[in-house]
Amino acid sequence: MINFEWQLPNVEVGNDNIVKTIHWRYTATETIGEDTHTASMYGSCAGSEGMDFTAMTQDHAIACVTENQPVEDMQSNLSAQIEAQKNPETTSMTKEW
């Protein structure tokens, strides 16, 4: 089972305490036996019009991110990345000549 987690490491705020930019990361992790596969997406979004930093919640920040890219699409993308890790199309090999 893939677990998804939001991280909101930084918020840029103007002198008026209004949110200007929210920096985010969305991470997916799946552990199978002793193998852990991880994929992530990151970016930033402009704060909603007049969003006060003090009143902002995590749900507000996530809504800002998912306004332009649905969370279902993000989860699909991350799941595909993990699937590619579990079943790679290519493998790196070395050979002594």
PDB file of N, CA and C in Angstrom:
ATOM      1  N   MET A   1       0.835  -1.176   0.000  1.00  0.00           N
ATOM      2  CA  MET A   1       0.000   0.000   0.000  1.00  0.00           C
ATOM      3  C   MET A   1       0.884   1.245   0.000  1.00  0.00           C
ATOM      4  N   ILE A   2       0.552   2.188  -0.850  1.00  0.00           N
ATOM      5  CA  ILE A   2       1.325   3.419  -0.953  1.00  0.00           C
ATOM      6  C   ILE A   2       0.769   4.447   0.039  1.00  0.00           C
ATOM      7  N   ASN A   3       1.671   5.055   0.788  1.00  0.00           N
ATOM      8  CA  ASN A   3       1.305   6.118   1.723  1.00  0.00           C
ATOM      9  C   ASN A   3       1.725   7.456   1.127  1.00  0.00           C
ATOM     10  N   PHE A   4       0.836   8.432   1.195  1.00  0.00           N
ATOM     11  CA  PHE A   4       1.101   9.765   0.659  1.00  0.00           C
ATOM     12  C   PHE A   4       1.213  10.756   1.812  1.00  0.00           C
ATOM     13  N   GLU A   5       2.136  11.715   1.659  1.00  0.00           N
ATOM     14  CA  GLU A   5       2.358  12.690   2.729  1.00  0.00           C
ATOM     15  C   GLU A   5       2.678  14.063   2.166  1.00  0.00           C
ATOM     16  N   TRP A   6       2.030  15.074   2.714  1.00  0.00           N
ATOM     17  CA  TRP A   6       2.303  16.464   2.348  1.00  0.00           C
ATOM     18  C   TRP A   6       3.380  17.034   3.250  1.00  0.00           C
ATOM     19  N   GLN A   7       4.244  17.851   2.665  1.00  0.00           N
ATOM     20  CA  GLN A   7       5.205  18.649   3.425  1.00  0.00           C
ATOM     21  C   GLN A   7       5.093  20.072   2.892  1.00  0.00           C
ATOM     22  N   LEU A   8       5.027  21.013   3.790  1.00  0.00           N
ATOM     23  CA  LEU A   8       4.922  22.435   3.429  1.00  0.00           C
ATOM     24  C   LEU A   8       6.064  23.154   4.149  1.00  0.00           C
ATOM     25  N   PRO A   9       7.280  23.041   3.592  1.00  0.00           N
ATOM     26  CA  PRO A   9       8.464  23.487   4.318  1.00  0.00           C
ATOM     27  C   PRO A   9       8.651  24.993   4.431  1.00  0.00           C
ATOM     28  N   ASN A  10       8.021  25.770   3.540  1.00  0.00           N
ATOM     29  CA  ASN A  10       8.297  27.207   3.554  1.00  0.00           C
ATOM     30  C   ASN A  10       7.109  27.969   2.977  1.00  0.00           C
ATOM     31  N   VAL A  11       6.819  29.079   3.612  1.00  0.00           N
ATOM     32  CA  VAL A  11       5.778  29.974   3.123  1.00  0.00           C
ATOM     33  C   VAL A  11       6.371  31.376   3.074  1.00  0.00           C
ATOM     34  N   GLU A  12       6.289  32.002   1.912  1.00  0.00           N
ATOM     35  CA  GLU A  12       6.765  33.382   1.778  1.00  0.00           C
ATOM     36  C   GLU A  12       5.598  34.311   2.094  1.00  0.00           C
ATOM     37  N   VAL A  13       5.883  35.277   2.966  1.00  0.00           N
ATOM     38  CA  VAL A  13       4.851  36.181   3.463  1.00  0.00           C
ATOM     39  C   VAL A  13       5.312  37.621   3.277  1.00  0.00           C
ATOM     40  N   GLY A  14       4.397  38.486   2.869  1.00  0.00           N
ATOM     41  CA  GLY A  14       4.705  39.906   2.732  1.00  0.00           C
ATOM     42  C   GLY A  14       4.709  40.608   4.083  1.00  0.00           C
ATOM     43  N   ASN A  15       5.133  41.864   4.099  1.00  0.00           N
ATOM     44  CA  ASN A  15       5.167  42.653   5.330  1.00  0.00           C
ATOM     45  C   ASN A  15       3.789  42.792   5.964  1.00  0.00           C
ATOM     46  N   ASP A  16       2.751  42.614   5.175  1.00  0.00           N
ATOM     47  CA  ASP A  16       1.377  42.723   5.666  1.00  0.00           C
ATOM     48  C   ASP A  16       0.846  41.394   6.201  1.00  0.00           C
ATOM     49  N   ASN A  17       1.717  40.374   6.328  1.00  0.00           N
ATOM     50  CA  ASN A  17       1.365  39.053   6.831  1.00  0.00           C
ATOM     51  C   ASN A  17       0.487  38.262   5.860  1.00  0.00           C
ATOM     52  N   ILE A  18       0.435  38.706   4.594  1.00  0.00           N
ATOM     53  CA  ILE A  18      -0.350  38.023   3.574  1.00  0.00           C
ATOM     54  C   ILE A  18       0.557  37.031   2.842  1.00  0.00           C
ATOM     55  N   VAL A  19       0.066  35.805   2.662  1.00  0.00           N
ATOM     56  CA  VAL A  19       0.834  34.739   2.023  1.00  0.00           C
ATOM     57  C   VAL A  19       1.040  35.072   0.544  1.00  0.00           C
ATOM     58  N   LYS A  20       2.291  35.039   0.129  1.00  0.00           N
ATOM     59  CA  LYS A  20       2.639  35.295  -1.269  1.00  0.00           C
ATOM     60  C   LYS A  20       2.890  33.987  -2.024  1.00  0.00           C
ATOM     61  N   THR A  21       3.651  33.069  -1.422  1.00  0.00           N
ATOM     62  CA  THR A  21       4.012  31.820  -2.078  1.00  0.00           C
ATOM     63  C   THR A  21       4.074  30.690  -1.053  1.00  0.00           C
ATOM     64  N   ILE A  22       3.512  29.545  -1.420  1.00  0.00           N
ATOM     65  CA  ILE A  22       3.569  28.344  -0.590  1.00  0.00           C
ATOM     66  C   ILE A  22       4.434  27.322  -1.321  1.00  0.00           C
ATOM     67  N   HIS A  23       5.484  26.857  -0.663  1.00  0.00           N
ATOM     68  CA  HIS A  23       6.356  25.832  -1.231  1.00  0.00           C
ATOM     69  C   HIS A  23       5.907  24.484  -0.667  1.00  0.00           C
ATOM     70  N   TRP A  24       5.793  23.485  -1.546  1.00  0.00           N
ATOM     71  CA  TRP A  24       5.236  22.206  -1.124  1.00  0.00           C
ATOM     72  C   TRP A  24       6.015  21.028  -1.694  1.00  0.00           C
ATOM     73  N   ARG A  25       5.820  19.875  -1.066  1.00  0.00           N
ATOM     74  CA  ARG A  25       6.345  18.592  -1.538  1.00  0.00           C
ATOM     75  C   ARG A  25       5.283  17.547  -1.205  1.00  0.00           C
ATOM     76  N   TYR A  26       5.009  16.658  -2.159  1.00  0.00           N
ATOM     77  CA  TYR A  26       4.056  15.568  -1.962  1.00  0.00           C
ATOM     78  C   TYR A  26       4.820  14.279  -2.209  1.00  0.00           C
ATOM     79  N   THR A  27       4.884  13.418  -1.200  1.00  0.00           N
ATOM     80  CA  THR A  27       5.730  12.230  -1.249  1.00  0.00           C
ATOM     81  C   THR A  27       4.888  10.966  -1.119  1.00  0.00           C
ATOM     82  N   ALA A  28       5.255   9.958  -1.891  1.00  0.00           N
ATOM     83  CA  ALA A  28       4.631   8.646  -1.819  1.00  0.00           C
ATOM     84  C   ALA A  28       5.696   7.637  -1.409  1.00  0.00           C
ATOM     85  N   THR A  29       5.327   6.740  -0.506  1.00  0.00           N
ATOM     86  CA  THR A  29       6.249   5.714  -0.027  1.00  0.00           C
ATOM     87  C   THR A  29       5.528   4.382   0.036  1.00  0.00           C
ATOM     88  N   GLU A  30       6.196   3.344  -0.454  1.00  0.00           N
ATOM     89  CA  GLU A  30       5.656   1.989  -0.347  1.00  0.00           C
ATOM     90  C   GLU A  30       6.773   1.062   0.092  1.00  0.00           C
ATOM     91  N   THR A  31       6.512   0.310   1.145  1.00  0.00           N
ATOM     92  CA  THR A  31       7.482  -0.662   1.639  1.00  0.00           C
ATOM     93  C   THR A  31       6.948  -2.059   1.386  1.00  0.00           C
ATOM     94  N   ILE A  32       7.770  -2.867   0.721  1.00  0.00           N
ATOM     95  CA  ILE A  32       7.441  -4.261   0.439  1.00  0.00           C
ATOM     96  C   ILE A  32       8.605  -5.084   0.980  1.00  0.00           C
ATOM     97  N   GLY A  33       8.340  -5.840   2.028  1.00  0.00           N
ATOM     98  CA  GLY A  33       9.424  -6.587   2.670  1.00  0.00           C
ATOM     99  C   GLY A  33      10.449  -5.608   3.217  1.00  0.00           C
ATOM    100  N   GLU A  34      11.681  -5.757   2.763  1.00  0.00           N
ATOM    101  CA  GLU A  34      12.745  -4.860   3.208  1.00  0.00           C
ATOM    102  C   GLU A  34      13.020  -3.729   2.220  1.00  0.00           C
ATOM    103  N   ASP A  35      12.282  -3.692   1.114  1.00  0.00           N
ATOM    104  CA  ASP A  35      12.490  -2.670   0.084  1.00  0.00           C
ATOM    105  C   ASP A  35      11.497  -1.527   0.259  1.00  0.00           C
ATOM    106  N   THR A  36      12.019  -0.308   0.283  1.00  0.00           N
ATOM    107  CA  THR A  36      11.177   0.882   0.355  1.00  0.00           C
ATOM    108  C   THR A  36      11.364   1.687  -0.924  1.00  0.00           C
ATOM    109  N   HIS A  37      10.255   2.027  -1.556  1.00  0.00           N
ATOM    110  CA  HIS A  37      10.258   2.819  -2.787  1.00  0.00           C
ATOM    111  C   HIS A  37       9.628   4.174  -2.466  1.00  0.00           C
ATOM    112  N   THR A  38      10.270   5.233  -2.958  1.00  0.00           N
ATOM    113  CA  THR A  38       9.803   6.582  -2.668  1.00  0.00           C
ATOM    114  C   THR A  38       9.808   7.412  -3.944  1.00  0.00           C
ATOM    115  N   ALA A  39       8.782   8.236  -4.081  1.00  0.00           N
ATOM    116  CA  ALA A  39       8.698   9.179  -5.198  1.00  0.00           C
ATOM    117  C   ALA A  39       8.128  10.477  -4.643  1.00  0.00           C
ATOM    118  N   SER A  40       8.494  11.601  -5.262  1.00  0.00           N
ATOM    119  CA  SER A  40       7.949  12.860  -4.770  1.00  0.00           C
ATOM    120  C   SER A  40       7.798  13.874  -5.892  1.00  0.00           C
ATOM    121  N   MET A  41       6.932  14.814  -5.629  1.00  0.00           N
ATOM    122  CA  MET A  41       6.699  15.959  -6.508  1.00  0.00           C
ATOM    123  C   MET A  41       6.875  17.196  -5.629  1.00  0.00           C
ATOM    124  N   TYR A  42       7.320  18.290  -6.231  1.00  0.00           N
ATOM    125  CA  TYR A  42       7.454  19.508  -5.447  1.00  0.00           C
ATOM    126  C   TYR A  42       7.186  20.710  -6.334  1.00  0.00           C
ATOM    127  N   GLY A  43       6.912  21.806  -5.689  1.00  0.00           N
ATOM    128  CA  GLY A  43       6.666  23.032  -6.428  1.00  0.00           C
ATOM    129  C   GLY A  43       6.244  24.140  -5.493  1.00  0.00           C
ATOM    130  N   SER A  44       5.620  25.140  -6.069  1.00  0.00           N
ATOM    131  CA  SER A  44       5.132  26.263  -5.279  1.00  0.00           C
ATOM    132  C   SER A  44       3.854  26.785  -5.925  1.00  0.00           C
ATOM    133  N   CYS A  45       3.075  27.490  -5.130  1.00  0.00           N
ATOM    134  CA  CYS A  45       1.868  28.112  -5.667  1.00  0.00           C
ATOM    135  C   CYS A  45       1.694  29.459  -4.986  1.00  0.00           C
ATOM    136  N   ALA A  46       1.053  30.353  -5.688  1.00  0.00           N
ATOM    137  CA  ALA A  46       0.762  31.667  -5.123  1.00  0.00           C
ATOM    138  C   ALA A  46      -0.324  31.516  -4.069  1.00  0.00           C
ATOM    139  N   GLY A  47      -0.186  32.229  -2.989  1.00  0.00           N
ATOM    140  CA  GLY A  47      -1.211  32.192  -1.948  1.00  0.00           C
ATOM    141  C   GLY A  47      -2.535  32.711  -2.477  1.00  0.00           C
ATOM    142  N   SER A  48      -3.617  32.239  -1.887  1.00  0.00           N
ATOM    143  CA  SER A  48      -4.940  32.722  -2.272  1.00  0.00           C
ATOM    144  C   SER A  48      -5.052  34.206  -1.957  1.00  0.00           C
ATOM    145  N   GLU A  49      -5.863  34.885  -2.697  1.00  0.00           N
ATOM    146  CA  GLU A  49      -6.033  36.334  -2.532  1.00  0.00           C
ATOM    147  C   GLU A  49      -6.326  36.690  -1.077  1.00  0.00           C
ATOM    148  N   GLY A  50      -5.427  37.443  -0.479  1.00  0.00           N
ATOM    149  CA  GLY A  50      -5.639  37.935   0.880  1.00  0.00           C
ATOM    150  C   GLY A  50      -5.473  36.899   1.982  1.00  0.00           C
ATOM    151  N   MET A  51      -4.825  35.748   1.707  1.00  0.00           N
ATOM    152  CA  MET A  51      -4.672  34.714   2.728  1.00  0.00           C
ATOM    153  C   MET A  51      -3.723  35.182   3.831  1.00  0.00           C
ATOM    154  N   ASP A  52      -4.235  35.310   5.038  1.00  0.00           N
ATOM    155  CA  ASP A  52      -3.443  35.738   6.192  1.00  0.00           C
ATOM    156  C   ASP A  52      -2.634  34.546   6.720  1.00  0.00           C
ATOM    157  N   PHE A  53      -1.331  34.739   6.901  1.00  0.00           N
ATOM    158  CA  PHE A  53      -0.464  33.649   7.341  1.00  0.00           C
ATOM    159  C   PHE A  53      -0.903  33.092   8.689  1.00  0.00           C
ATOM    160  N   THR A  54      -1.256  33.952   9.610  1.00  0.00           N
ATOM    161  CA  THR A  54      -1.632  33.513  10.953  1.00  0.00           C
ATOM    162  C   THR A  54      -2.868  32.625  10.928  1.00  0.00           C
ATOM    163  N   ALA A  55      -3.820  32.930  10.066  1.00  0.00           N
ATOM    164  CA  ALA A  55      -5.075  32.172   9.993  1.00  0.00           C
ATOM    165  C   ALA A  55      -4.977  30.960   9.063  1.00  0.00           C
ATOM    166  N   MET A  56      -3.912  30.869   8.266  1.00  0.00           N
ATOM    167  CA  MET A  56      -3.782  29.789   7.296  1.00  0.00           C
ATOM    168  C   MET A  56      -3.618  28.441   7.997  1.00  0.00           C
ATOM    169  N   THR A  57      -4.317  27.430   7.477  1.00  0.00           N
ATOM    170  CA  THR A  57      -4.180  26.062   7.978  1.00  0.00           C
ATOM    171  C   THR A  57      -3.503  25.211   6.909  1.00  0.00           C
ATOM    172  N   GLN A  58      -3.135  24.000   7.285  1.00  0.00           N
ATOM    173  CA  GLN A  58      -2.554  23.076   6.311  1.00  0.00           C
ATOM    174  C   GLN A  58      -3.568  22.796   5.203  1.00  0.00           C
ATOM    175  N   ASP A  59      -4.833  22.675   5.552  1.00  0.00           N
ATOM    176  CA  ASP A  59      -5.866  22.435   4.533  1.00  0.00           C
ATOM    177  C   ASP A  59      -5.934  23.583   3.526  1.00  0.00           C
ATOM    178  N   HIS A  60      -5.768  24.834   3.991  1.00  0.00           N
ATOM    179  CA  HIS A  60      -5.750  25.977   3.075  1.00  0.00           C
ATOM    180  C   HIS A  60      -4.583  25.852   2.091  1.00  0.00           C
ATOM    181  N   ALA A  61      -3.410  25.505   2.620  1.00  0.00           N
ATOM    182  CA  ALA A  61      -2.217  25.396   1.775  1.00  0.00           C
ATOM    183  C   ALA A  61      -2.379  24.285   0.743  1.00  0.00           C
ATOM    184  N   ILE A  62      -2.901  23.136   1.155  1.00  0.00           N
ATOM    185  CA  ILE A  62      -3.093  22.021   0.234  1.00  0.00           C
ATOM    186  C   ILE A  62      -4.130  22.380  -0.825  1.00  0.00           C
ATOM    187  N   ALA A  63      -5.180  23.091  -0.436  1.00  0.00           N
ATOM    188  CA  ALA A  63      -6.198  23.525  -1.396  1.00  0.00           C
ATOM    189  C   ALA A  63      -5.588  24.431  -2.453  1.00  0.00           C
ATOM    190  N   CYS A  64      -4.640  25.262  -2.055  1.00  0.00           N
ATOM    191  CA  CYS A  64      -3.951  26.139  -3.009  1.00  0.00           C
ATOM    192  C   CYS A  64      -3.210  25.291  -4.042  1.00  0.00           C
ATOM    193  N   VAL A  65      -2.519  24.254  -3.586  1.00  0.00           N
ATOM    194  CA  VAL A  65      -1.749  23.387  -4.484  1.00  0.00           C
ATOM    195  C   VAL A  65      -2.674  22.621  -5.423  1.00  0.00           C
ATOM    196  N   THR A  66      -3.716  22.038  -4.870  1.00  0.00           N
ATOM    197  CA  THR A  66      -4.575  21.148  -5.656  1.00  0.00           C
ATOM    198  C   THR A  66      -5.610  21.896  -6.496  1.00  0.00           C
ATOM    199  N   GLU A  67      -5.633  23.198  -6.388  1.00  0.00           N
ATOM    200  CA  GLU A  67      -6.549  23.993  -7.209  1.00  0.00           C
ATOM    201  C   GLU A  67      -6.253  23.822  -8.692  1.00  0.00           C
ATOM    202  N   ASN A  68      -4.976  23.692  -9.035  1.00  0.00           N
ATOM    203  CA  ASN A  68      -4.570  23.580 -10.436  1.00  0.00           C
ATOM    204  C   ASN A  68      -4.145  22.176 -10.848  1.00  0.00           C
ATOM    205  N   GLN A  69      -3.962  21.294  -9.883  1.00  0.00           N
ATOM    206  CA  GLN A  69      -3.620  19.905 -10.206  1.00  0.00           C
ATOM    207  C   GLN A  69      -4.288  18.999  -9.165  1.00  0.00           C
ATOM    208  N   PRO A  70      -5.299  18.266  -9.599  1.00  0.00           N
ATOM    209  CA  PRO A  70      -6.052  17.413  -8.676  1.00  0.00           C
ATOM    210  C   PRO A  70      -5.160  16.400  -7.956  1.00  0.00           C
ATOM    211  N   VAL A  71      -5.452  16.183  -6.698  1.00  0.00           N
ATOM    212  CA  VAL A  71      -4.656  15.260  -5.897  1.00  0.00           C
ATOM    213  C   VAL A  71      -4.690  13.852  -6.498  1.00  0.00           C
ATOM    214  N   GLU A  72      -5.789  13.475  -7.143  1.00  0.00           N
ATOM    215  CA  GLU A  72      -5.867  12.152  -7.771  1.00  0.00           C
ATOM    216  C   GLU A  72      -4.831  12.018  -8.890  1.00  0.00           C
ATOM    217  N   ASP A  73      -4.627  13.086  -9.658  1.00  0.00           N
ATOM    218  CA  ASP A  73      -3.611  13.066 -10.715  1.00  0.00           C
ATOM    219  C   ASP A  73      -2.208  12.968 -10.125  1.00  0.00           C
ATOM    220  N   MET A  74      -1.991  13.682  -9.022  1.00  0.00           N
ATOM    221  CA  MET A  74      -0.688  13.647  -8.369  1.00  0.00           C
ATOM    222  C   MET A  74      -0.410  12.239  -7.831  1.00  0.00           C
ATOM    223  N   GLN A  75      -1.405  11.620  -7.223  1.00  0.00           N
ATOM    224  CA  GLN A  75      -1.230  10.273  -6.690  1.00  0.00           C
ATOM    225  C   GLN A  75      -0.984   9.265  -7.808  1.00  0.00           C
ATOM    226  N   SER A  76      -1.658   9.437  -8.919  1.00  0.00           N
ATOM    227  CA  SER A  76      -1.456   8.558 -10.069  1.00  0.00           C
ATOM    228  C   SER A  76      -0.022   8.676 -10.587  1.00  0.00           C
ATOM    229  N   ASN A  77       0.477   9.897 -10.686  1.00  0.00           N
ATOM    230  CA  ASN A  77       1.842  10.149 -11.143  1.00  0.00           C
ATOM    231  C   ASN A  77       2.853   9.492 -10.203  1.00  0.00           C
ATOM    232  N   LEU A  78       2.679   9.699  -8.901  1.00  0.00           N
ATOM    233  CA  LEU A  78       3.617   9.145  -7.929  1.00  0.00           C
ATOM    234  C   LEU A  78       3.543   7.617  -7.896  1.00  0.00           C
ATOM    235  N   SER A  79       2.354   7.076  -8.016  1.00  0.00           N
ATOM    236  CA  SER A  79       2.189   5.613  -8.044  1.00  0.00           C
ATOM    237  C   SER A  79       2.909   5.017  -9.249  1.00  0.00           C
ATOM    238  N   ALA A  80       2.821   5.693 -10.395  1.00  0.00           N
ATOM    239  CA  ALA A  80       3.511   5.227 -11.602  1.00  0.00           C
ATOM    240  C   ALA A  80       5.024   5.274 -11.410  1.00  0.00           C
ATOM    241  N   GLN A  81       5.525   6.293 -10.723  1.00  0.00           N
ATOM    242  CA  GLN A  81       6.962   6.371 -10.452  1.00  0.00           C
ATOM    243  C   GLN A  81       7.417   5.202  -9.581  1.00  0.00           C
ATOM    244  N   ILE A  82       6.618   4.877  -8.569  1.00  0.00           N
ATOM    245  CA  ILE A  82       6.967   3.762  -7.693  1.00  0.00           C
ATOM    246  C   ILE A  82       6.891   2.444  -8.454  1.00  0.00           C
ATOM    247  N   GLU A  83       5.879   2.279  -9.283  1.00  0.00           N
ATOM    248  CA  GLU A  83       5.755   1.054 -10.092  1.00  0.00           C
ATOM    249  C   GLU A  83       6.978   0.886 -10.995  1.00  0.00           C
ATOM    250  N   ALA A  84       7.464   1.996 -11.562  1.00  0.00           N
ATOM    251  CA  ALA A  84       8.658   1.940 -12.424  1.00  0.00           C
ATOM    252  C   ALA A  84       9.898   1.549 -11.622  1.00  0.00           C
ATOM    253  N   GLN A  85       9.946   1.931 -10.362  1.00  0.00           N
ATOM    254  CA  GLN A  85      11.071   1.525  -9.520  1.00  0.00           C
ATOM    255  C   GLN A  85      11.014   0.023  -9.223  1.00  0.00           C
ATOM    256  N   LYS A  86       9.806  -0.478  -9.006  1.00  0.00           N
ATOM    257  CA  LYS A  86       9.635  -1.896  -8.694  1.00  0.00           C
ATOM    258  C   LYS A  86       9.860  -2.776  -9.917  1.00  0.00           C
ATOM    259  N   ASN A  87       9.539  -2.261 -11.092  1.00  0.00           N
ATOM    260  CA  ASN A  87       9.655  -3.022 -12.345  1.00  0.00           C
ATOM    261  C   ASN A  87      10.367  -2.164 -13.402  1.00  0.00           C
ATOM    262  N   PRO A  88      11.662  -1.938 -13.222  1.00  0.00           N
ATOM    263  CA  PRO A  88      12.378  -1.063 -14.150  1.00  0.00           C
ATOM    264  C   PRO A  88      12.438  -1.634 -15.567  1.00  0.00           C
ATOM    265  N   GLU A  89      12.363  -0.725 -16.534  1.00  0.00           N
ATOM    266  CA  GLU A  89      12.458  -1.136 -17.939  1.00  0.00           C
ATOM    267  C   GLU A  89      13.902  -1.393 -18.352  1.00  0.00           C
ATOM    268  N   THR A  90      14.835  -0.782 -17.653  1.00  0.00           N
ATOM    269  CA  THR A  90      16.251  -0.976 -17.960  1.00  0.00           C
ATOM    270  C   THR A  90      17.016  -1.230 -16.663  1.00  0.00           C
ATOM    271  N   THR A  91      18.185  -1.823 -16.793  1.00  0.00           N
ATOM    272  CA  THR A  91      19.053  -2.089 -15.663  1.00  0.00           C
ATOM    273  C   THR A  91      20.462  -1.666 -16.048  1.00  0.00           C
ATOM    274  N   SER A  92      21.164  -1.045 -15.126  1.00  0.00           N
ATOM    275  CA  SER A  92      22.561  -0.683 -15.364  1.00  0.00           C
ATOM    276  C   SER A  92      23.440  -1.871 -15.035  1.00  0.00           C
ATOM    277  N   MET A  93      24.381  -2.145 -15.931  1.00  0.00           N
ATOM    278  CA  MET A  93      25.297  -3.253 -15.723  1.00  0.00           C
ATOM    279  C   MET A  93      26.713  -2.809 -16.094  1.00  0.00           C
ATOM    280  N   THR A  94      27.681  -3.461 -15.520  1.00  0.00           N
ATOM    281  CA  THR A  94      29.074  -3.211 -15.886  1.00  0.00           C
ATOM    282  C   THR A  94      29.682  -4.522 -16.348  1.00  0.00           C
ATOM    283  N   LYS A  95      30.738  -4.393 -17.116  1.00  0.00           N
ATOM    284  CA  LYS A  95      31.394  -5.603 -17.638  1.00  0.00           C
ATOM    285  C   LYS A  95      32.897  -5.351 -17.648  1.00  0.00           C
ATOM    286  N   GLU A  96      33.618  -6.334 -17.162  1.00  0.00           N
ATOM    287  CA  GLU A  96      35.074  -6.232 -17.242  1.00  0.00           C
ATOM    288  C   GLU A  96      35.511  -6.764 -18.589  1.00  0.00           C
ATOM    289  N   TRP A  97      36.302  -6.011 -19.287  1.00  0.00           N
ATOM    290  CA  TRP A  97      36.749  -6.417 -20.620  1.00  0.00           C
ATOM    291  C   TRP A  97      38.112  -7.017 -20.573  1.00  0.00           C
TER     292      TRP A  97
END
